[in-house]
Amino acid sequence: MNEMDYQSSSTKQELLKLLKLKKRLTASELAKRLEISEMAVRRHLHTLQRDGLIRTTLVRQAMGRPTNVYELSEKGEEQFPQHYKQLAVELLKELEAVAGKEMVVALLQARTERMKERYARDFQEKTLEEKMKKLFELQNEQGYMTQLRKDEQGVYHLIAHHCPISEIAKQYRSICSCELQLFKQLLNSEVALQACMTEGDDVCHYQIKEQTHK
């Protein structure tokens, strides 16, 4: 990284920190606090917004033109230290120590059942294509960074590039089988896990096709 790249990266980090501390600021306010030009701030804001780290709201004022106010997005918030993932793992380990690993498995299965009940209505009376689009939307909303494609044989491929529950999955692989079970029930289709990040693969790859009836 050359000096200019370093300065650019440093300024973006300072922008993120300011938005974390002050919650909502305009480009002008950010420029004053960082003591750089508003034009330079806007260039950085454009990059941060493109990367999904901030979002903007157009705010009308009593006098003058409406102005854009910037704040961190959920992805932007994740740039700061997060300890809840490790806490979740620690709580499950405590449960295992007290009640045994079977209780942890039962808890994860209960979670799967609750998710099935929550989403079942969204998947009723839909074609497989409609169900796949809905699952794709849900997975992306939950941060899995998924891609969806359909091959020449009509088989769907749902590929996740990120796993928000990876810390738990590394310790308790049964959560992966629970997710596979959930997909089968919601889609009412044949679902096979072709690759899994907890097994050392780069992605989680699900292959889905219509249920074959004998």
Protein backbone atom coordinates (compact mmCIF):
# COMPACT_ATOMS: atom_id res chain seq x y z
CA MET A 1 0.00 0.00 0.00
CA ASN A 2 1.53 3.35 -1.02
CA GLU A 3 1.29 6.52 1.07
CA MET A 4 -1.74 7.84 -0.81
CA ASP A 5 -3.60 4.52 -0.37
CA TYR A 6 -2.76 4.53 3.32
CA GLN A 7 -4.08 8.07 3.76
CA SER A 8 -7.25 7.19 1.85
CA SER A 9 -7.82 4.11 4.00
CA SER A 10 -7.11 6.09 7.18
CA THR A 11 -9.61 8.81 6.22
CA LYS A 12 -12.32 6.24 5.53
CA GLN A 13 -11.70 4.68 8.93
CA GLU A 14 -11.97 8.11 10.57
CA LEU A 15 -15.25 8.70 8.73
CA LEU A 16 -16.62 5.41 10.00
CA LYS A 17 -15.49 6.20 13.56
CA LEU A 18 -17.17 9.62 13.47
CA LEU A 19 -20.44 8.11 12.26
CA LYS A 20 -20.18 5.47 14.97
CA LEU A 21 -19.73 8.16 17.64
CA LYS A 22 -22.12 10.83 16.34
CA LYS A 23 -24.60 8.50 14.59
CA ARG A 24 -25.75 10.90 11.85
CA LEU A 25 -23.72 13.64 10.13
CA THR A 26 -23.78 15.63 6.90
CA ALA A 27 -20.83 15.80 4.52
CA SER A 28 -20.19 19.37 5.65
CA GLU A 29 -20.10 18.35 9.32
CA LEU A 30 -17.75 15.47 8.55
CA ALA A 31 -15.44 17.77 6.56
CA LYS A 32 -15.21 20.23 9.47
CA ARG A 33 -14.44 17.52 12.01
CA LEU A 34 -11.79 15.87 9.79
CA GLU A 35 -10.41 19.25 8.65
CA ILE A 36 -10.41 18.27 4.97
CA SER A 37 -12.36 19.59 1.99
CA GLU A 38 -16.01 18.68 1.57
CA MET A 39 -15.20 17.44 -1.94
CA ALA A 40 -12.68 14.95 -0.51
CA VAL A 41 -15.22 13.81 2.08
CA ARG A 42 -17.83 13.22 -0.61
CA ARG A 43 -15.40 11.05 -2.59
CA HIS A 44 -14.86 8.85 0.47
CA LEU A 45 -18.58 8.78 1.25
CA HIS A 46 -19.31 7.65 -2.29
CA THR A 47 -16.87 4.74 -1.88
CA LEU A 48 -18.24 3.77 1.54
CA GLN A 49 -21.80 3.88 0.23
CA ARG A 50 -20.83 1.79 -2.80
CA ASP A 51 -19.32 -0.79 -0.42
CA GLY A 52 -22.53 -0.86 1.61
CA LEU A 53 -20.89 0.51 4.79
CA ILE A 54 -23.04 3.62 5.10
CA ARG A 55 -26.49 4.76 4.07
CA THR A 56 -27.92 8.21 3.39
CA THR A 57 -31.22 9.93 4.09
CA LEU A 58 -32.44 13.12 2.42
CA VAL A 59 -33.53 15.48 5.20
CA ARG A 60 -35.66 18.55 4.54
CA GLN A 61 -34.73 21.69 6.44
CA ALA A 62 -36.78 24.67 7.58
CA MET A 63 -34.79 26.89 5.22
CA GLY A 64 -32.67 26.05 2.22
CA ARG A 65 -32.33 22.91 0.14
CA PRO A 66 -32.72 19.36 1.54
CA THR A 67 -29.42 17.82 2.62
CA ASN A 68 -28.06 14.27 2.77
CA VAL A 69 -27.38 12.86 6.23
CA TYR A 70 -25.05 9.85 6.51
CA GLU A 71 -25.07 7.00 9.03
CA LEU A 72 -23.57 3.52 9.36
CA SER A 73 -25.36 0.61 7.73
CA GLU A 74 -25.59 -2.77 9.44
CA LYS A 75 -22.52 -3.83 7.47
CA GLY A 76 -20.75 -0.67 8.63
CA GLU A 77 -21.55 -1.46 12.26
CA GLU A 78 -19.89 -4.83 11.77
CA GLN A 79 -16.56 -3.10 11.05
CA PHE A 80 -16.27 -2.50 14.79
CA PRO A 81 -15.43 -5.27 17.31
CA GLN A 82 -18.29 -7.71 17.82
CA HIS A 83 -18.26 -10.13 20.73
CA TYR A 84 -21.75 -11.61 20.52
CA LYS A 85 -20.66 -14.47 18.24
CA GLN A 86 -18.09 -15.69 20.73
CA LEU A 87 -20.63 -15.18 23.52
CA ALA A 88 -23.10 -17.45 21.70
CA VAL A 89 -20.46 -20.18 21.45
CA GLU A 90 -19.55 -19.79 25.11
CA LEU A 91 -23.20 -20.05 26.18
CA LEU A 92 -23.64 -23.24 24.15
CA LYS A 93 -20.51 -24.70 25.72
CA GLU A 94 -21.87 -23.87 29.17
CA LEU A 95 -25.13 -25.59 28.28
CA GLU A 96 -23.19 -28.63 27.05
CA ALA A 97 -21.21 -28.75 30.30
CA VAL A 98 -24.39 -28.62 32.38
CA ALA A 99 -26.83 -30.70 30.34
CA GLY A 100 -24.74 -32.60 27.77
CA LYS A 101 -24.21 -32.26 24.04
CA GLU A 102 -27.64 -33.82 23.35
CA MET A 103 -29.26 -30.74 24.88
CA VAL A 104 -27.29 -28.45 22.56
CA VAL A 105 -28.41 -30.51 19.55
CA ALA A 106 -32.01 -30.36 20.81
CA LEU A 107 -31.74 -26.58 21.17
CA LEU A 108 -30.45 -26.18 17.61
CA GLN A 109 -33.22 -28.43 16.29
CA ALA A 110 -35.79 -26.36 18.22
CA ARG A 111 -34.37 -23.26 16.54
CA THR A 112 -34.85 -24.92 13.16
CA GLU A 113 -38.49 -25.69 13.99
CA ARG A 114 -39.15 -22.09 15.01
CA MET A 115 -37.62 -20.83 11.76
CA LYS A 116 -39.74 -23.28 9.76
CA GLU A 117 -42.90 -22.05 11.49
CA ARG A 118 -41.87 -18.42 10.95
CA TYR A 119 -41.25 -18.79 7.21
CA ALA A 120 -43.59 -21.63 6.20
CA ARG A 121 -46.40 -19.33 5.04
CA ASP A 122 -44.02 -17.49 2.67
CA PHE A 123 -43.29 -20.78 0.87
CA GLN A 124 -46.81 -22.21 0.61
CA GLU A 125 -48.48 -22.68 -2.77
CA LYS A 126 -45.45 -21.51 -4.72
CA THR A 127 -43.47 -23.05 -7.57
CA LEU A 128 -39.92 -24.18 -6.86
CA GLU A 129 -38.62 -21.17 -8.76
CA GLU A 130 -40.66 -18.81 -6.56
CA LYS A 131 -39.49 -20.65 -3.44
CA MET A 132 -35.86 -20.40 -4.53
CA LYS A 133 -36.16 -16.65 -5.07
CA LYS A 134 -37.70 -16.27 -1.62
CA LEU A 135 -34.97 -18.35 0.02
CA PHE A 136 -32.33 -16.36 -1.86
CA GLU A 137 -33.83 -13.12 -0.46
CA LEU A 138 -33.99 -14.46 3.09
CA GLN A 139 -30.41 -15.71 3.03
CA ASN A 140 -29.10 -12.39 1.77
CA GLU A 141 -31.11 -10.49 4.39
CA GLN A 142 -29.34 -12.61 7.01
CA GLY A 143 -25.90 -11.83 5.59
CA TYR A 144 -25.02 -15.03 3.72
CA MET A 145 -23.97 -13.16 0.53
CA THR A 146 -25.63 -15.74 -1.70
CA GLN A 147 -25.74 -16.32 -5.43
CA LEU A 148 -28.50 -18.27 -7.15
CA ARG A 149 -28.32 -19.92 -10.55
CA LYS A 150 -30.14 -22.62 -12.49
CA ASP A 151 -28.23 -25.02 -14.73
CA GLU A 152 -29.26 -26.59 -18.04
CA GLN A 153 -30.74 -29.62 -16.23
CA GLY A 154 -33.06 -27.37 -14.24
CA VAL A 155 -31.09 -27.86 -11.02
CA TYR A 156 -30.75 -24.83 -8.75
CA HIS A 157 -27.46 -23.90 -7.10
CA LEU A 158 -27.56 -21.71 -3.99
CA ILE A 159 -24.04 -20.58 -3.12
CA ALA A 160 -23.21 -18.69 0.10
CA HIS A 161 -19.96 -16.74 0.27
CA HIS A 162 -20.30 -15.82 3.95
CA CYS A 163 -21.59 -17.66 7.01
CA PRO A 164 -22.89 -15.46 9.89
CA ILE A 165 -23.07 -18.53 12.15
CA SER A 166 -19.61 -19.87 11.29
CA GLU A 167 -18.27 -19.51 14.85
CA ILE A 168 -21.05 -21.78 16.14
CA ALA A 169 -20.82 -24.13 13.16
CA LYS A 170 -17.11 -24.73 13.79
CA GLN A 171 -17.94 -26.06 17.24
CA TYR A 172 -21.33 -27.64 16.53
CA ARG A 173 -21.55 -29.07 13.02
CA SER A 174 -25.15 -30.14 13.68
CA ILE A 175 -26.27 -26.57 12.96
CA CYS A 176 -25.31 -27.20 9.31
CA SER A 177 -27.48 -30.32 9.13
CA CYS A 178 -30.29 -28.34 10.79
CA GLU A 179 -30.04 -25.72 8.05
CA LEU A 180 -30.09 -28.43 5.39
CA GLN A 181 -33.20 -29.90 7.02
CA LEU A 182 -34.84 -26.46 7.08
CA PHE A 183 -34.23 -25.95 3.35
CA LYS A 184 -35.69 -29.37 2.54
CA GLN A 185 -38.84 -28.64 4.51
CA LEU A 186 -39.38 -25.12 3.19
CA LEU A 187 -38.69 -26.06 -0.43
CA ASN A 188 -40.26 -29.52 -0.29
CA SER A 189 -37.50 -30.56 -2.68
CA GLU A 190 -34.33 -32.60 -2.87
CA VAL A 191 -31.51 -30.59 -1.32
CA ALA A 192 -27.87 -31.71 -1.20
CA LEU A 193 -24.96 -29.90 0.41
CA GLN A 194 -22.11 -30.02 -2.11
CA ALA A 195 -19.61 -27.83 -0.23
CA CYS A 196 -19.41 -26.40 3.28
CA MET A 197 -17.18 -23.72 4.78
CA THR A 198 -16.91 -25.62 8.06
CA GLU A 199 -15.32 -28.46 6.06
CA GLY A 200 -12.68 -26.10 4.69
CA ASP A 201 -14.44 -25.18 1.43
CA ASP A 202 -14.52 -21.59 0.17
CA VAL A 203 -18.33 -21.52 0.01
CA CYS A 204 -21.44 -23.36 1.13
CA HIS A 205 -23.02 -24.83 -1.99
CA TYR A 206 -26.54 -26.26 -1.97
CA GLN A 207 -27.91 -28.17 -4.95
CA ILE A 208 -31.72 -28.18 -5.20
CA LYS A 209 -34.01 -30.03 -7.57
CA GLU A 210 -37.66 -31.01 -7.80
CA GLN A 211 -38.76 -33.83 -5.54
CA THR A 212 -38.93 -37.10 -7.50
CA HIS A 213 -42.05 -39.09 -6.77
CA LYS A 214 -41.91 -42.84 -7.22
